[in-house]
Amino acid sequence: MKMNYYNDIIQENKYYMKEVNCKEYHCFPAEFVIEGQLVNNKSNISEPFNDYFSQIELTTSQNVPSTRTTRTKYLHNPILHVY
């Protein structure tokens, strides 16, 4: 069952790679347009991605309202026994 699941994922990935003309699993675009400029240096491409993803926690914490609800309020019907 697990093997079939992973085989399906691999086949699906192969299909999508074929659709975007990607010959390998690690297909990476040769260039990006960043702030209106064509960039093809991998280091210069990675900087904006790093900046964006490193700010997600800060941005999220600023945009999510605080609450007085504790996490235990969301725990219903605890599992008392494991077989």
N, C-alpha and C. Protein backbone atom coordinates (compact mmCIF):
# COMPACT_ATOMS: atom_id res chain seq x y z
N MET A 1 0.83 -1.18 0.00
CA MET A 1 0.00 0.00 0.00
C MET A 1 0.88 1.26 0.00
N LYS A 2 1.86 1.28 0.90
CA LYS A 2 2.75 2.43 0.99
C LYS A 2 3.57 2.57 -0.31
N MET A 3 4.01 1.43 -0.86
CA MET A 3 4.79 1.43 -2.09
C MET A 3 3.97 2.02 -3.24
N ASN A 4 2.70 1.65 -3.32
CA ASN A 4 1.83 2.18 -4.37
C ASN A 4 1.67 3.69 -4.23
N TYR A 5 1.54 4.14 -3.00
CA TYR A 5 1.40 5.58 -2.74
C TYR A 5 2.61 6.34 -3.27
N TYR A 6 3.82 5.86 -2.93
CA TYR A 6 5.02 6.55 -3.37
C TYR A 6 5.23 6.43 -4.88
N ASN A 7 4.88 5.30 -5.45
CA ASN A 7 4.97 5.16 -6.90
C ASN A 7 4.04 6.14 -7.61
N ASP A 8 2.85 6.33 -7.06
CA ASP A 8 1.92 7.30 -7.64
C ASP A 8 2.48 8.71 -7.58
N ILE A 9 3.11 9.05 -6.47
CA ILE A 9 3.70 10.39 -6.34
C ILE A 9 4.82 10.57 -7.35
N ILE A 10 5.65 9.56 -7.52
CA ILE A 10 6.76 9.64 -8.49
C ILE A 10 6.21 9.82 -9.90
N GLN A 11 5.20 9.04 -10.25
CA GLN A 11 4.60 9.16 -11.58
C GLN A 11 3.99 10.54 -11.79
N GLU A 12 3.34 11.06 -10.77
CA GLU A 12 2.73 12.39 -10.86
C GLU A 12 3.81 13.44 -11.06
N ASN A 13 4.91 13.32 -10.33
CA ASN A 13 6.00 14.28 -10.48
C ASN A 13 6.60 14.20 -11.88
N LYS A 14 6.75 12.99 -12.41
CA LYS A 14 7.28 12.84 -13.77
C LYS A 14 6.36 13.51 -14.78
N TYR A 15 5.05 13.37 -14.57
CA TYR A 15 4.09 14.00 -15.46
C TYR A 15 4.25 15.52 -15.44
N TYR A 16 4.32 16.09 -14.24
CA TYR A 16 4.45 17.55 -14.12
C TYR A 16 5.77 18.04 -14.70
N MET A 17 6.86 17.30 -14.48
CA MET A 17 8.15 17.70 -15.03
C MET A 17 8.10 17.69 -16.55
N LYS A 18 7.41 16.70 -17.12
CA LYS A 18 7.27 16.64 -18.57
C LYS A 18 6.48 17.85 -19.06
N GLU A 19 5.46 18.24 -18.33
CA GLU A 19 4.63 19.38 -18.72
C GLU A 19 5.41 20.69 -18.74
N VAL A 20 6.39 20.82 -17.86
CA VAL A 20 7.18 22.06 -17.81
C VAL A 20 8.54 21.89 -18.48
N ASN A 21 8.67 20.84 -19.28
CA ASN A 21 9.90 20.56 -20.03
C ASN A 21 11.12 20.41 -19.13
N CYS A 22 10.93 19.80 -18.00
CA CYS A 22 12.01 19.58 -17.05
C CYS A 22 12.53 18.16 -17.26
N LYS A 23 13.81 18.02 -17.53
CA LYS A 23 14.38 16.71 -17.83
C LYS A 23 14.86 15.97 -16.58
N GLU A 24 15.06 16.68 -15.49
CA GLU A 24 15.58 16.07 -14.27
C GLU A 24 14.72 16.46 -13.08
N TYR A 25 14.89 15.73 -11.98
CA TYR A 25 14.14 16.04 -10.77
C TYR A 25 14.53 17.40 -10.21
N HIS A 26 15.75 17.81 -10.43
CA HIS A 26 16.24 19.06 -9.84
C HIS A 26 16.29 20.17 -10.89
N CYS A 27 15.25 20.24 -11.69
CA CYS A 27 15.18 21.26 -12.72
C CYS A 27 15.03 22.63 -12.05
N PHE A 28 15.84 23.56 -12.46
CA PHE A 28 15.83 24.90 -11.88
C PHE A 28 15.82 25.90 -13.02
N PRO A 29 14.94 26.89 -12.99
CA PRO A 29 14.93 27.88 -14.07
C PRO A 29 16.30 28.55 -14.21
N ALA A 30 16.69 28.83 -15.42
CA ALA A 30 18.00 29.44 -15.67
C ALA A 30 18.02 30.91 -15.28
N GLU A 31 16.86 31.54 -15.28
CA GLU A 31 16.82 32.96 -14.95
C GLU A 31 15.47 33.35 -14.36
N PHE A 32 15.49 34.42 -13.61
CA PHE A 32 14.30 34.98 -12.99
C PHE A 32 14.26 36.47 -13.29
N VAL A 33 13.07 37.04 -13.22
CA VAL A 33 12.93 38.48 -13.29
C VAL A 33 12.66 38.95 -11.87
N ILE A 34 13.61 39.71 -11.33
CA ILE A 34 13.52 40.19 -9.96
C ILE A 34 13.56 41.71 -9.99
N GLU A 35 12.48 42.31 -9.51
CA GLU A 35 12.33 43.77 -9.51
C GLU A 35 12.59 44.35 -10.90
N GLY A 36 12.04 43.66 -11.92
CA GLY A 36 12.13 44.15 -13.29
C GLY A 36 13.44 43.87 -14.00
N GLN A 37 14.38 43.19 -13.34
CA GLN A 37 15.67 42.89 -13.97
C GLN A 37 15.82 41.39 -14.14
N LEU A 38 16.39 40.99 -15.27
CA LEU A 38 16.66 39.59 -15.55
C LEU A 38 17.89 39.15 -14.76
N VAL A 39 17.74 38.14 -13.92
CA VAL A 39 18.84 37.67 -13.07
C VAL A 39 19.09 36.20 -13.37
N ASN A 40 20.36 35.84 -13.63
CA ASN A 40 20.69 34.44 -13.90
C ASN A 40 21.78 33.89 -12.99
N ASN A 41 22.26 34.68 -12.06
CA ASN A 41 23.25 34.23 -11.09
C ASN A 41 22.50 33.56 -9.93
N LYS A 42 22.79 32.28 -9.66
CA LYS A 42 22.04 31.55 -8.63
C LYS A 42 22.11 32.21 -7.26
N SER A 43 23.24 32.79 -6.95
CA SER A 43 23.37 33.47 -5.66
C SER A 43 22.44 34.68 -5.59
N ASN A 44 22.39 35.45 -6.65
CA ASN A 44 21.50 36.62 -6.69
C ASN A 44 20.04 36.22 -6.73
N ILE A 45 19.75 35.04 -7.29
CA ILE A 45 18.38 34.53 -7.31
C ILE A 45 17.97 34.09 -5.91
N SER A 46 18.88 33.46 -5.20
CA SER A 46 18.54 32.90 -3.89
C SER A 46 18.32 33.97 -2.82
N GLU A 47 18.96 35.12 -2.96
CA GLU A 47 18.82 36.18 -1.94
C GLU A 47 17.37 36.61 -1.72
N PRO A 48 16.60 36.96 -2.76
CA PRO A 48 15.21 37.36 -2.52
C PRO A 48 14.36 36.24 -1.92
N PHE A 49 14.62 34.99 -2.33
CA PHE A 49 13.90 33.86 -1.73
C PHE A 49 14.22 33.77 -0.25
N ASN A 50 15.49 33.88 0.09
CA ASN A 50 15.91 33.82 1.48
C ASN A 50 15.28 34.95 2.29
N ASP A 51 15.30 36.16 1.73
CA ASP A 51 14.69 37.30 2.41
C ASP A 51 13.21 37.05 2.67
N TYR A 52 12.52 36.57 1.64
CA TYR A 52 11.08 36.33 1.77
C TYR A 52 10.79 35.27 2.83
N PHE A 53 11.43 34.11 2.71
CA PHE A 53 11.11 33.01 3.63
C PHE A 53 11.61 33.26 5.04
N SER A 54 12.63 34.05 5.21
CA SER A 54 13.10 34.35 6.56
C SER A 54 12.18 35.34 7.27
N GLN A 55 11.33 36.03 6.53
CA GLN A 55 10.40 36.99 7.11
C GLN A 55 9.01 36.42 7.39
N ILE A 56 8.76 35.18 6.98
CA ILE A 56 7.41 34.61 7.13
C ILE A 56 6.96 34.59 8.59
N GLU A 57 7.81 34.15 9.49
CA GLU A 57 7.43 34.06 10.91
C GLU A 57 7.09 35.44 11.46
N LEU A 58 7.92 36.42 11.16
CA LEU A 58 7.69 37.77 11.65
C LEU A 58 6.40 38.34 11.07
N THR A 59 6.22 38.20 9.77
CA THR A 59 5.03 38.71 9.11
C THR A 59 3.78 38.03 9.65
N THR A 60 3.84 36.72 9.81
CA THR A 60 2.69 35.98 10.30
C THR A 60 2.36 36.39 11.73
N SER A 61 3.35 36.48 12.57
CA SER A 61 3.09 36.84 13.96
C SER A 61 2.52 38.25 14.09
N GLN A 62 2.87 39.13 13.17
CA GLN A 62 2.34 40.48 13.20
C GLN A 62 0.89 40.54 12.69
N ASN A 63 0.52 39.62 11.82
CA ASN A 63 -0.80 39.65 11.19
C ASN A 63 -1.84 38.77 11.87
N VAL A 64 -1.41 37.89 12.75
CA VAL A 64 -2.35 37.01 13.46
C VAL A 64 -2.67 37.66 14.80
N PRO A 65 -3.95 37.90 15.05
CA PRO A 65 -4.30 38.54 16.31
C PRO A 65 -3.99 37.65 17.51
N SER A 66 -3.64 38.26 18.59
CA SER A 66 -3.37 37.47 19.80
C SER A 66 -4.69 36.99 20.39
N THR A 67 -4.60 35.94 21.17
CA THR A 67 -5.79 35.36 21.77
C THR A 67 -5.47 34.89 23.18
N ARG A 68 -6.49 34.77 23.99
CA ARG A 68 -6.29 34.26 25.35
C ARG A 68 -6.62 32.78 25.42
N THR A 69 -7.02 32.20 24.29
CA THR A 69 -7.33 30.78 24.25
C THR A 69 -6.04 29.97 24.35
N THR A 70 -6.03 29.01 25.24
CA THR A 70 -4.84 28.17 25.37
C THR A 70 -4.94 26.99 24.41
N ARG A 71 -3.83 26.39 24.12
CA ARG A 71 -3.81 25.27 23.17
C ARG A 71 -4.59 24.06 23.69
N THR A 72 -4.73 23.92 24.99
CA THR A 72 -5.46 22.77 25.54
C THR A 72 -6.96 22.84 25.24
N LYS A 73 -7.46 24.01 24.94
CA LYS A 73 -8.88 24.15 24.60
C LYS A 73 -9.21 23.37 23.32
N TYR A 74 -8.24 23.20 22.46
CA TYR A 74 -8.46 22.51 21.19
C TYR A 74 -8.27 21.00 21.28
N LEU A 75 -7.87 20.52 22.43
CA LEU A 75 -7.64 19.09 22.61
C LEU A 75 -8.92 18.44 23.14
N HIS A 76 -9.56 17.66 22.28
CA HIS A 76 -10.79 16.99 22.65
C HIS A 76 -10.57 15.48 22.72
N ASN A 77 -11.29 14.84 23.62
CA ASN A 77 -11.26 13.38 23.74
C ASN A 77 -9.84 12.82 23.66
N PRO A 78 -9.05 13.02 24.69
CA PRO A 78 -7.69 12.50 24.63
C PRO A 78 -7.66 10.98 24.54
N ILE A 79 -6.67 10.46 23.88
CA ILE A 79 -6.50 9.01 23.77
C ILE A 79 -5.89 8.52 25.08
N LEU A 80 -6.65 7.67 25.77
CA LEU A 80 -6.18 7.20 27.07
C LEU A 80 -5.36 5.92 26.97
N HIS A 81 -5.61 5.16 25.91
CA HIS A 81 -4.91 3.88 25.76
C HIS A 81 -4.40 3.75 24.33
N VAL A 82 -3.22 3.19 24.20
CA VAL A 82 -2.69 2.90 22.89
C VAL A 82 -2.50 1.39 22.82
N TYR A 83 -3.05 0.80 21.79
CA TYR A 83 -2.98 -0.66 21.64
C TYR A 83 -1.94 -1.05 20.65
